[in-house]
Protein backbone atom coordinates (compact mmCIF):
# COMPACT_ATOMS: atom_id res chain seq x y z
CA MET A 1 -10.61 8.97 19.00
CA GLU A 2 -13.43 7.32 18.09
CA SER A 3 -16.64 9.04 19.60
CA THR A 4 -18.57 8.30 22.19
CA THR A 5 -21.59 7.00 20.41
CA GLU A 6 -19.36 4.29 18.68
CA LYS A 7 -17.90 3.25 21.77
CA ASN A 8 -20.93 2.39 23.65
CA ASN A 9 -23.12 0.91 20.02
CA PHE A 10 -20.65 -0.53 17.67
CA LYS A 11 -20.12 -4.14 19.07
CA ARG A 12 -16.92 -6.12 18.31
CA SER A 13 -18.13 -8.97 18.14
CA LEU A 14 -15.63 -10.12 14.85
CA GLY A 15 -12.67 -12.59 15.34
CA LEU A 16 -10.05 -13.06 13.19
CA LEU A 17 -11.29 -15.73 10.93
CA ASP A 18 -14.68 -13.80 10.27
CA ALA A 19 -12.39 -10.71 9.34
CA THR A 20 -10.40 -12.95 7.17
CA MET A 21 -13.32 -14.38 5.28
CA ILE A 22 -14.56 -10.86 5.06
CA VAL A 23 -11.24 -10.05 2.60
CA ALA A 24 -11.53 -13.15 1.04
CA GLY A 25 -15.59 -13.06 0.36
CA SER A 26 -15.77 -9.89 -1.51
CA MET A 27 -12.19 -10.41 -3.32
CA ILE A 28 -13.71 -13.55 -4.96
CA GLY A 29 -16.86 -12.92 -6.97
CA SER A 30 -17.51 -13.93 -10.53
CA GLY A 31 -14.24 -12.49 -11.93
CA ILE A 32 -11.97 -15.22 -11.93
CA PHE A 33 -14.35 -17.42 -13.75
CA ILE A 34 -14.51 -14.54 -16.87
CA VAL A 35 -11.71 -12.62 -17.20
CA SER A 36 -9.00 -14.76 -18.20
CA ALA A 37 -10.74 -15.26 -21.27
CA ASP A 38 -10.25 -11.39 -21.93
CA ILE A 39 -6.82 -11.40 -20.53
CA VAL A 40 -5.70 -14.32 -23.25
CA ARG A 41 -7.01 -12.46 -26.18
CA ASN A 42 -4.78 -9.93 -25.40
CA VAL A 43 -1.50 -11.25 -24.33
CA GLY A 44 -1.89 -14.54 -26.01
CA SER A 45 -0.27 -16.98 -23.87
CA ALA A 46 -0.36 -19.56 -21.16
CA CYS A 47 2.94 -17.60 -19.64
CA ALA A 48 1.65 -14.14 -19.88
CA LEU A 49 -1.79 -14.76 -18.51
CA LEU A 50 -0.26 -15.93 -15.54
CA LEU A 51 2.32 -13.62 -15.37
CA ILE A 52 -0.82 -11.06 -15.38
CA TRP A 53 -2.27 -12.89 -12.03
CA LEU A 54 1.13 -13.34 -10.43
CA PHE A 55 1.57 -9.32 -10.98
CA THR A 56 -1.78 -8.45 -9.70
CA GLY A 57 -1.33 -11.05 -6.91
CA PHE A 58 1.81 -9.78 -5.93
CA LEU A 59 0.37 -6.00 -5.94
CA THR A 60 -2.64 -7.27 -3.62
CA ILE A 61 -0.39 -8.60 -1.36
CA ALA A 62 1.59 -5.43 -0.77
CA ALA A 63 -1.07 -2.98 -0.67
CA ALA A 64 -2.86 -5.17 2.03
CA LEU A 65 0.29 -5.38 3.77
CA SER A 66 1.40 -1.70 3.68
CA TYR A 67 -2.24 -1.47 5.03
CA GLY A 68 -1.91 -3.26 8.04
CA GLU A 69 -0.22 -0.27 9.30
CA LEU A 70 -2.71 1.91 8.83
CA SER A 71 -5.50 0.14 10.25
CA SER A 72 -3.39 -0.46 13.26
CA MET A 73 -2.96 3.20 13.59
CA PHE A 74 -6.47 4.13 13.41
CA PRO A 75 -8.41 0.55 14.26
CA LYS A 76 -11.64 2.52 13.90
CA ALA A 77 -15.00 2.51 11.51
CA GLY A 78 -14.34 4.06 7.87
CA GLY A 79 -10.58 2.28 7.00
CA GLN A 80 -9.36 3.92 3.94
CA TYR A 81 -11.66 7.28 3.85
CA VAL A 82 -10.20 7.46 7.69
CA TYR A 83 -6.44 6.70 6.58
CA LEU A 84 -6.61 9.38 3.83
CA LYS A 85 -8.22 11.72 5.90
CA GLU A 86 -5.50 12.07 8.54
CA ALA A 87 -2.94 11.65 6.05
CA PHE A 88 -3.88 14.47 4.00
CA ASN A 89 -6.72 16.35 4.66
CA SER A 90 -10.52 16.06 4.84
CA LEU A 91 -10.92 16.76 1.40
CA THR A 92 -9.28 13.90 0.41
CA GLY A 93 -10.92 11.42 2.59
CA PHE A 94 -14.26 13.23 1.18
CA LEU A 95 -13.15 12.44 -2.38
CA TYR A 96 -12.24 8.95 -1.45
CA GLY A 97 -15.90 8.44 0.02
CA TRP A 98 -17.65 10.46 -2.87
CA SER A 99 -15.92 8.05 -5.06
CA PHE A 100 -16.93 5.18 -2.86
CA PHE A 101 -20.44 5.84 -3.07
CA ALA A 102 -21.05 7.04 -6.56
CA VAL A 103 -19.25 4.25 -8.28
CA ILE A 104 -16.88 2.32 -6.04
CA GLN A 105 -18.91 0.38 -4.00
CA THR A 106 -22.41 0.70 -5.41
CA GLY A 107 -21.46 -0.18 -8.68
CA SER A 108 -19.54 -3.63 -7.54
CA ILE A 109 -22.91 -4.17 -5.81
CA ALA A 110 -24.68 -3.56 -8.46
CA ALA A 111 -22.18 -5.62 -10.64
CA VAL A 112 -21.97 -8.54 -8.65
CA GLY A 113 -25.83 -8.79 -7.91
CA VAL A 114 -26.42 -9.14 -11.90
CA ALA A 115 -23.73 -11.47 -12.66
CA PHE A 116 -25.85 -13.65 -9.29
CA SER A 117 -28.94 -13.28 -11.56
CA LYS A 118 -27.23 -14.51 -14.76
CA PHE A 119 -25.96 -17.46 -13.51
CA ALA A 120 -29.38 -18.06 -11.46
CA ALA A 121 -30.36 -18.19 -14.83
CA TYR A 122 -28.82 -21.25 -16.44
CA VAL A 123 -30.44 -23.05 -12.79
CA PHE A 124 -33.97 -21.30 -13.27
CA PRO A 125 -34.21 -20.28 -17.43
CA SER A 126 -37.73 -17.51 -16.62
CA LEU A 127 -34.57 -15.39 -14.19
CA SER A 128 -32.98 -14.53 -17.52
CA GLU A 129 -32.17 -11.03 -19.17
CA LYS A 130 -33.76 -11.99 -21.51
CA ASN A 131 -37.46 -12.13 -19.91
CA ILE A 132 -38.49 -8.69 -19.84
CA ILE A 133 -40.83 -8.09 -17.00
CA ILE A 134 -41.88 -4.38 -17.34
CA ASP A 135 -41.85 -2.46 -20.48
CA PHE A 136 -41.67 1.03 -20.47
CA SER A 137 -40.66 3.14 -23.79
CA PHE A 138 -37.96 4.69 -21.96
CA LEU A 139 -36.95 1.65 -19.97
CA GLN A 140 -36.92 -2.70 -19.75
CA ILE A 141 -37.03 -4.33 -16.66
CA SER A 142 -35.98 -7.93 -17.13
CA ALA A 143 -36.09 -10.80 -14.58
CA ALA A 144 -32.61 -10.40 -14.44
CA GLN A 145 -32.57 -6.97 -13.14
CA LEU A 146 -35.17 -7.92 -10.84
CA THR A 147 -33.35 -10.29 -9.37
CA SER A 148 -30.19 -8.69 -8.77
CA ILE A 149 -32.00 -5.99 -6.73
CA ILE A 150 -34.42 -8.52 -4.99
CA LEU A 151 -30.34 -10.17 -3.55
CA VAL A 152 -29.13 -6.70 -2.93
CA VAL A 153 -32.29 -5.97 -0.77
CA PHE A 154 -32.52 -8.88 1.52
CA LEU A 155 -28.81 -8.65 2.14
CA THR A 156 -29.52 -5.25 3.25
CA TYR A 157 -32.53 -5.81 5.19
CA VAL A 158 -30.19 -9.18 6.57
CA ASN A 159 -27.05 -6.69 8.34
CA THR A 160 -29.20 -4.45 9.15
CA ARG A 161 -30.43 -7.00 11.91
CA GLY A 162 -27.16 -6.67 13.58
CA VAL A 163 -23.62 -7.71 12.49
CA LYS A 164 -23.54 -11.12 14.24
CA GLU A 165 -26.33 -11.97 11.08
CA GLY A 166 -24.14 -10.57 8.65
CA LYS A 167 -20.87 -12.51 9.88
CA MET A 168 -23.01 -15.52 9.44
CA ILE A 169 -23.42 -15.34 6.32
CA GLN A 170 -20.50 -13.75 5.06
CA THR A 171 -18.57 -16.57 7.27
CA ILE A 172 -20.59 -19.74 5.86
CA PHE A 173 -20.95 -18.61 2.50
CA THR A 174 -16.99 -17.95 2.12
CA LEU A 175 -16.32 -20.94 3.81
CA VAL A 176 -17.97 -23.22 1.39
CA LYS A 177 -17.06 -20.99 -1.86
CA LEU A 178 -13.62 -21.70 -1.08
CA ILE A 179 -13.71 -25.53 -0.26
CA ALA A 180 -15.72 -25.51 -3.54
CA LEU A 181 -13.17 -23.34 -5.17
CA PHE A 182 -10.33 -26.13 -4.11
CA GLY A 183 -12.72 -28.63 -5.56
CA LEU A 184 -13.07 -27.73 -8.94
CA ILE A 185 -9.18 -27.20 -9.23
CA ILE A 186 -8.35 -30.79 -7.69
CA PHE A 187 -11.44 -32.47 -9.72
CA GLY A 188 -10.27 -30.30 -12.87
CA PHE A 189 -6.05 -31.51 -12.34
CA SER A 190 -7.84 -35.38 -11.54
CA LEU A 191 -10.45 -36.06 -14.47
CA ALA A 192 -10.05 -33.79 -17.31
CA ALA A 193 -6.51 -32.42 -17.33
CA LYS A 194 -4.62 -33.22 -20.42
CA ALA A 195 -1.15 -33.72 -20.94
CA ASP A 196 -1.33 -32.13 -24.64
CA ILE A 197 -3.02 -29.37 -24.16
CA TRP A 198 -0.72 -28.38 -21.33
CA LYS A 199 2.49 -28.71 -23.46
CA ALA A 200 0.25 -26.90 -26.62
CA ASN A 201 -0.71 -23.91 -24.21
CA TRP A 202 3.15 -23.17 -23.10
CA SER A 203 4.68 -23.14 -26.94
CA THR A 204 4.64 -20.18 -27.17
CA GLY A 205 6.79 -19.44 -24.76
CA PHE A 206 7.12 -15.63 -22.78
CA SER A 207 5.52 -13.66 -26.06
CA ILE A 208 2.33 -11.25 -25.63
CA ASN A 209 0.57 -11.19 -29.11
CA LYS A 210 -3.14 -10.44 -29.60
CA LEU A 211 -4.97 -13.47 -30.14
CA ASP A 212 -7.21 -13.44 -33.48
CA GLY A 213 -8.65 -16.28 -33.54
CA ASN A 214 -6.44 -18.93 -34.44
CA THR A 215 -3.37 -16.45 -35.57
CA LEU A 216 -1.17 -14.53 -32.86
CA VAL A 217 -0.78 -10.74 -34.15
CA PRO A 218 2.62 -8.84 -32.98
CA TYR A 219 1.64 -5.89 -31.00
CA SER A 220 3.75 -2.95 -33.09
CA GLY A 221 5.19 -0.66 -30.93
CA PHE A 222 4.07 0.44 -27.55
CA ALA A 223 0.35 -1.22 -28.37
CA VAL A 224 1.81 -3.90 -26.44
CA MET A 225 1.14 -1.53 -22.96
CA GLY A 226 -1.61 -1.14 -23.94
CA ALA A 227 -2.71 -5.03 -24.32
CA LEU A 228 -1.31 -5.32 -20.27
CA ALA A 229 -2.78 -2.09 -19.34
CA ALA A 230 -6.34 -3.95 -20.96
CA SER A 231 -5.46 -7.12 -19.21
CA LEU A 232 -4.78 -5.71 -15.64
CA VAL A 233 -7.86 -3.94 -15.58
CA GLY A 234 -9.89 -7.42 -15.28
CA SER A 235 -7.47 -8.84 -13.08
CA LEU A 236 -7.28 -6.56 -10.33
CA PHE A 237 -10.78 -6.03 -10.52
CA SER A 238 -11.25 -9.55 -9.91
CA SER A 239 -9.09 -9.27 -6.79
CA ASP A 240 -10.58 -5.83 -6.11
CA SER A 241 -12.24 -5.27 -2.45
CA TRP A 242 -9.47 -6.56 0.19
CA ASN A 243 -9.09 -3.54 1.64
CA ASN A 244 -13.29 -3.81 2.80
CA VAL A 245 -12.58 -4.97 6.21
CA THR A 246 -10.90 -1.98 7.32
CA PHE A 247 -14.37 -0.27 7.06
CA ILE A 248 -15.53 -2.35 9.95
CA ALA A 249 -12.58 -1.99 12.11
CA GLY A 250 -15.18 -0.86 14.64
CA GLU A 251 -16.58 -4.10 14.71
CA ILE A 252 -13.60 -6.41 15.12
CA LYS A 253 -12.00 -7.72 18.10
CA ASN A 254 -8.59 -6.85 18.61
CA PRO A 255 -8.36 -4.49 15.37
CA SER A 256 -4.90 -3.14 15.43
CA LYS A 257 -3.49 -6.62 14.80
CA ASN A 258 -6.61 -8.59 13.86
CA ILE A 259 -6.95 -6.58 10.73
CA GLY A 260 -3.16 -6.69 9.49
CA ARG A 261 -3.43 -10.39 9.82
CA SER A 262 -6.65 -10.94 8.20
CA LEU A 263 -5.47 -8.87 5.16
CA PHE A 264 -2.78 -10.74 4.89
CA LEU A 265 -3.80 -14.15 5.22
CA GLY A 266 -7.11 -12.93 2.94
CA THR A 267 -4.97 -11.72 0.08
CA LEU A 268 -2.89 -14.73 0.19
CA ILE A 269 -5.41 -17.64 0.00
CA VAL A 270 -7.09 -15.40 -2.87
CA THR A 271 -4.03 -14.93 -5.06
CA ILE A 272 -3.30 -18.49 -4.22
CA ILE A 273 -6.42 -19.53 -5.26
CA TYR A 274 -6.76 -17.57 -8.61
CA ILE A 275 -3.35 -18.81 -9.60
CA ALA A 276 -4.62 -22.23 -9.04
CA THR A 277 -7.40 -21.42 -10.87
CA ASN A 278 -5.48 -20.49 -13.96
CA MET A 279 -3.30 -22.90 -14.06
CA MET A 280 -6.09 -25.59 -14.50
CA TYR A 281 -7.68 -23.65 -17.27
CA LEU A 282 -4.50 -24.11 -18.63
CA SER A 283 -4.64 -27.58 -18.36
CA VAL A 284 -8.18 -28.21 -19.07
CA LEU A 285 -8.70 -25.70 -22.22
CA SER A 286 -6.96 -24.44 -24.93
CA ILE A 287 -5.74 -21.09 -25.47
CA ASN A 288 -8.48 -20.75 -27.58
CA GLU A 289 -11.07 -22.32 -25.74
CA ILE A 290 -10.04 -19.87 -22.84
CA ALA A 291 -9.85 -16.66 -24.94
CA TYR A 292 -13.38 -17.86 -27.12
CA ALA A 293 -15.92 -19.31 -24.30
CA GLU A 294 -19.02 -17.96 -24.72
CA ASN A 295 -20.05 -14.94 -23.04
CA ASP A 296 -16.35 -14.76 -21.55
CA ARG A 297 -17.30 -17.40 -19.25
CA VAL A 298 -14.24 -20.02 -18.77
CA GLY A 299 -15.35 -21.42 -15.46
CA VAL A 300 -18.30 -23.01 -17.49
CA VAL A 301 -16.50 -23.90 -20.07
CA ALA A 302 -13.72 -25.65 -17.80
CA SER A 303 -16.85 -27.21 -15.63
CA GLN A 304 -18.23 -29.09 -18.95
CA HIS A 305 -14.61 -30.83 -19.42
CA ILE A 306 -14.53 -31.98 -16.01
CA PHE A 307 -18.19 -32.54 -14.95
CA GLY A 308 -20.14 -33.22 -18.39
CA ASN A 309 -23.75 -31.42 -19.10
CA SER A 310 -23.94 -31.43 -15.36
CA GLY A 311 -21.18 -29.32 -15.61
CA THR A 312 -23.11 -25.90 -16.33
CA TYR A 313 -25.25 -26.55 -13.15
CA ILE A 314 -22.80 -27.37 -10.68
CA ILE A 315 -20.49 -23.95 -11.58
CA ALA A 316 -23.79 -22.15 -12.00
CA ILE A 317 -24.69 -23.32 -8.53
CA LEU A 318 -21.05 -22.31 -7.06
CA LEU A 319 -21.09 -19.10 -8.77
CA MET A 320 -24.45 -17.82 -7.12
CA ILE A 321 -22.89 -19.02 -3.98
CA SER A 322 -19.50 -17.38 -4.33
CA THR A 323 -21.44 -13.70 -5.99
CA PHE A 324 -24.30 -14.08 -2.96
CA GLY A 325 -20.94 -14.06 -0.04
CA CYS A 326 -19.45 -11.30 -2.17
CA ASN A 327 -22.35 -8.88 -2.45
CA ASN A 328 -23.10 -9.68 1.76
CA GLY A 329 -19.44 -8.58 2.22
CA LEU A 330 -19.63 -5.89 0.53
CA ILE A 331 -23.00 -4.22 1.70
CA LEU A 332 -21.73 -5.24 5.02
CA SER A 333 -18.72 -2.84 5.24
CA GLY A 334 -19.79 -0.11 2.40
CA ALA A 335 -22.21 1.41 5.18
CA ARG A 336 -19.78 2.09 7.48
CA VAL A 337 -17.83 4.51 5.70
CA TYR A 338 -20.83 6.24 4.90
CA HIS A 339 -21.84 6.49 8.30
CA THR A 340 -18.33 7.63 9.43
CA MET A 341 -19.18 10.71 6.99
CA ALA A 342 -21.31 11.31 8.46
CA LYS A 343 -20.01 11.43 11.38
CA ASP A 344 -17.54 14.40 10.46
CA GLY A 345 -20.21 16.64 8.80
CA LEU A 346 -19.31 15.30 5.60
CA PHE A 347 -22.28 13.62 4.64
CA PHE A 348 -26.24 13.25 5.35
CA LYS A 349 -26.19 13.36 9.31
CA GLN A 350 -29.18 11.25 8.82
CA LEU A 351 -26.94 8.29 8.27
CA GLY A 352 -24.34 8.78 11.41
CA HIS A 353 -27.15 6.91 13.69
CA LEU A 354 -26.62 3.75 14.51
CA ASN A 355 -29.94 1.31 14.76
CA LYS A 356 -30.74 -0.54 18.05
CA ASN A 357 -28.77 -3.16 16.33
CA GLY A 358 -25.15 -1.28 16.85
CA VAL A 359 -25.60 -1.03 12.58
CA PRO A 360 -25.57 2.29 10.22
CA GLU A 361 -29.51 1.30 8.71
CA LYS A 362 -30.01 4.22 6.86
CA ALA A 363 -26.44 4.27 5.65
CA LEU A 364 -27.11 0.69 4.53
CA TRP A 365 -30.24 1.30 3.04
CA ILE A 366 -29.64 4.64 1.29
CA GLN A 367 -26.75 2.12 -0.35
CA CYS A 368 -28.84 -0.13 -1.71
CA ILE A 369 -31.07 2.53 -3.09
CA TRP A 370 -28.36 3.42 -5.21
CA ALA A 371 -27.04 0.04 -6.02
CA SER A 372 -30.74 -1.00 -6.98
CA ALA A 373 -30.99 2.18 -9.46
CA LEU A 374 -27.41 1.38 -10.87
CA CYS A 375 -28.96 -2.62 -11.43
CA LEU A 376 -31.80 -0.47 -13.48
CA SER A 377 -29.98 1.88 -15.28
CA GLY A 378 -27.99 -0.89 -17.28
CA LYS A 379 -24.92 1.40 -16.44
CA TYR A 380 -22.64 -0.58 -13.82
CA ASN A 381 -20.94 -1.85 -16.46
CA GLU A 382 -20.04 1.13 -17.89
CA LEU A 383 -18.73 2.52 -14.14
CA LEU A 384 -17.16 -0.57 -13.58
CA GLU A 385 -14.53 0.20 -16.03
CA TYR A 386 -14.05 3.53 -14.29
CA VAL A 387 -13.54 1.94 -11.17
CA ILE A 388 -10.08 0.00 -11.34
CA PHE A 389 -8.56 3.85 -12.62
CA VAL A 390 -10.38 5.42 -9.61
CA VAL A 391 -9.32 2.75 -6.93
CA LEU A 392 -5.37 2.73 -8.09
CA ILE A 393 -5.87 6.68 -7.60
CA PHE A 394 -6.51 6.73 -4.00
CA TYR A 395 -4.64 3.13 -3.37
CA ILE A 396 -1.51 5.23 -4.25
CA LEU A 397 -2.72 7.96 -1.82
CA THR A 398 -3.47 5.84 0.91
CA ILE A 399 0.09 4.16 0.73
CA ALA A 400 1.63 7.26 0.02
CA GLY A 401 -0.02 8.37 3.56
CA ILE A 402 2.34 5.93 5.20
CA PHE A 403 5.21 7.83 4.20
CA ARG A 404 3.18 10.92 5.07
CA LEU A 405 2.26 9.74 8.42
CA ARG A 406 5.42 8.35 9.11
CA LYS A 407 7.20 11.71 8.97
CA THR A 408 4.35 13.78 10.35
CA LYS A 409 3.00 11.86 12.89
CA PRO A 410 6.19 10.08 14.15
CA ASP A 411 4.89 9.52 17.76
CA LEU A 412 1.34 7.78 17.05
CA GLU A 413 1.62 4.43 18.39
CA ARG A 414 2.11 1.64 15.55
CA PRO A 415 1.16 -1.52 17.41
CA TYR A 416 1.67 -2.99 13.29
CA LYS A 417 4.14 -1.63 10.88
CA ALA A 418 4.28 -2.11 6.89
CA ILE A 419 6.69 -5.36 6.01
CA GLY A 420 9.14 -4.66 3.32
CA TYR A 421 9.08 -0.65 4.09
CA PRO A 422 9.78 1.31 2.77
CA PHE A 423 10.91 -1.03 -0.73
CA LEU A 424 7.52 -2.81 -0.91
CA PRO A 425 5.31 0.12 -0.72
CA PHE A 426 7.46 2.03 -2.80
CA ILE A 427 7.39 -0.51 -5.35
CA TYR A 428 3.62 -0.56 -4.91
CA ILE A 429 3.16 3.23 -6.02
CA ILE A 430 5.57 3.07 -8.96
CA ALA A 431 3.83 -0.16 -9.88
CA ALA A 432 0.55 1.47 -9.77
CA VAL A 433 1.20 4.79 -11.07
CA THR A 434 2.63 3.03 -13.77
CA ILE A 435 -0.20 1.06 -14.70
CA CYS A 436 -2.62 4.42 -14.47
CA ILE A 437 -0.70 6.14 -17.25
CA MET A 438 -1.15 3.00 -18.99
CA LEU A 439 -4.50 3.68 -18.72
CA LEU A 440 -4.99 7.04 -19.70
CA ILE A 441 -3.63 6.67 -22.35
CA TYR A 442 -4.70 3.15 -23.53
CA LYS A 443 -8.28 3.18 -21.71
CA TYR A 444 -9.33 7.15 -22.05
CA ASN A 445 -12.31 6.70 -22.38
CA SER A 446 -13.00 4.70 -18.78
CA SER A 447 -10.17 6.74 -17.27
CA ILE A 448 -10.85 10.33 -17.98
CA PRO A 449 -15.03 9.88 -16.85
CA GLY A 450 -13.54 8.28 -13.86
CA LEU A 451 -11.62 10.95 -12.83
CA ALA A 452 -14.40 13.17 -13.35
CA ILE A 453 -16.45 11.46 -10.90
CA VAL A 454 -13.61 11.85 -8.19
CA LEU A 455 -13.35 15.68 -9.42
CA LEU A 456 -17.41 16.16 -9.06
CA GLY A 457 -17.32 15.46 -5.06
CA ILE A 458 -15.00 19.04 -4.98
CA PRO A 459 -18.26 21.06 -5.16
CA ILE A 460 -20.28 18.51 -3.22
CA TYR A 461 -17.45 18.68 -0.50
CA TYR A 462 -18.16 22.32 0.09
CA TYR A 463 -22.00 22.12 0.10
CA PHE A 464 -21.54 19.48 3.04
CA VAL A 465 -19.11 21.90 5.13
CA SER A 466 -21.38 24.51 4.47
CA LYS A 467 -23.71 22.46 5.53
CA ASP A 468 -22.15 21.79 8.71
CA LYS A 469 -21.16 24.95 9.79
CA SER A 470 -24.64 26.87 9.05
């Protein structure tokens, strides 16, 4: 049951549209404008590029449909942390919450903040990462890093003012972002699409090869599995954070129904946009132009083809809007996890309090401080390589929790049941386990450290347990 404090202070002021905008807005950052370049270099064909995005979309929607059942059973703040704790035990829930704080959410906030500043530098060159503002002997701080920190601090402050303020930013910026993305897709097809480019891009059929310059190099043996694993890291990260809406269940109207609906609608909308955007790329740019776009910024190159010289500024402004809204969603929702952990005695107790506006202000600020430190460290890109492996582990466990809860708590009320159960959840688990194995084999440099971050949470868990008992 929810505590009395939570019932009295969390304000249920988010409707279905707001919840859907949190799902979509948290998913769409800068990834869709960048990661297709790396995918094409790994797979070498238009068909394989679209299959990677289709497979990613299928996995994301399948997981979202499964989470709907869990959100209807436990419609309270904390989301995935609560699901894992209820399905397994408090240690499993804590390991997720710890990983969420250490790398998943804060690393994502840092990376999206830095992406905002990089694209802002197109419009305001003085904000470039090459413009060093402070130079210590051991640390250089660029204008881009300062800009990203200012963004994180500003959005954190706005969200301490109350959920309505965060909701307003999220809904407005996500709607603008979606309209602009649909506009970019439509303009791309209508103004810059070329039949000869489209035909040439599809000439390689369903083959999967490494693109080396203008040459397609066949993979030998199981190397193709490594290429697929590397490709999926980018697309999965670009489609992640859809579960953020579950963390703010305490502030959603009719959460037992609206969370499940928003998960499905949000992930479906984003999947359609991602597929359409990549089809637009393939109609406007050659395979080589996609693969070797400067700094992997495929969206910038496509926009230049569509709008000419002004295209750089158009896409930069779109990306600023996109990353601004994305970071607001991450910041708004993430702090609710630390708040719930603190209420359970598994994190710093001060984070368990709500301010006069009914939001976990101290949890918001500790998240802000660590995300800002990651911005300064320059290690956020490395951390993000660890994210997907860690995220998939907890997605697997959470969806496996549906099967476990059906057996251990069959009488618990389920206003919404997972669509396609048991087949869709089972398919997701098998697919995600396969990807994890591929990542362990072919991306062990990031997978092993990611696993180490999770395991580091075990002694920290027992520290908080002993502190709570004393």
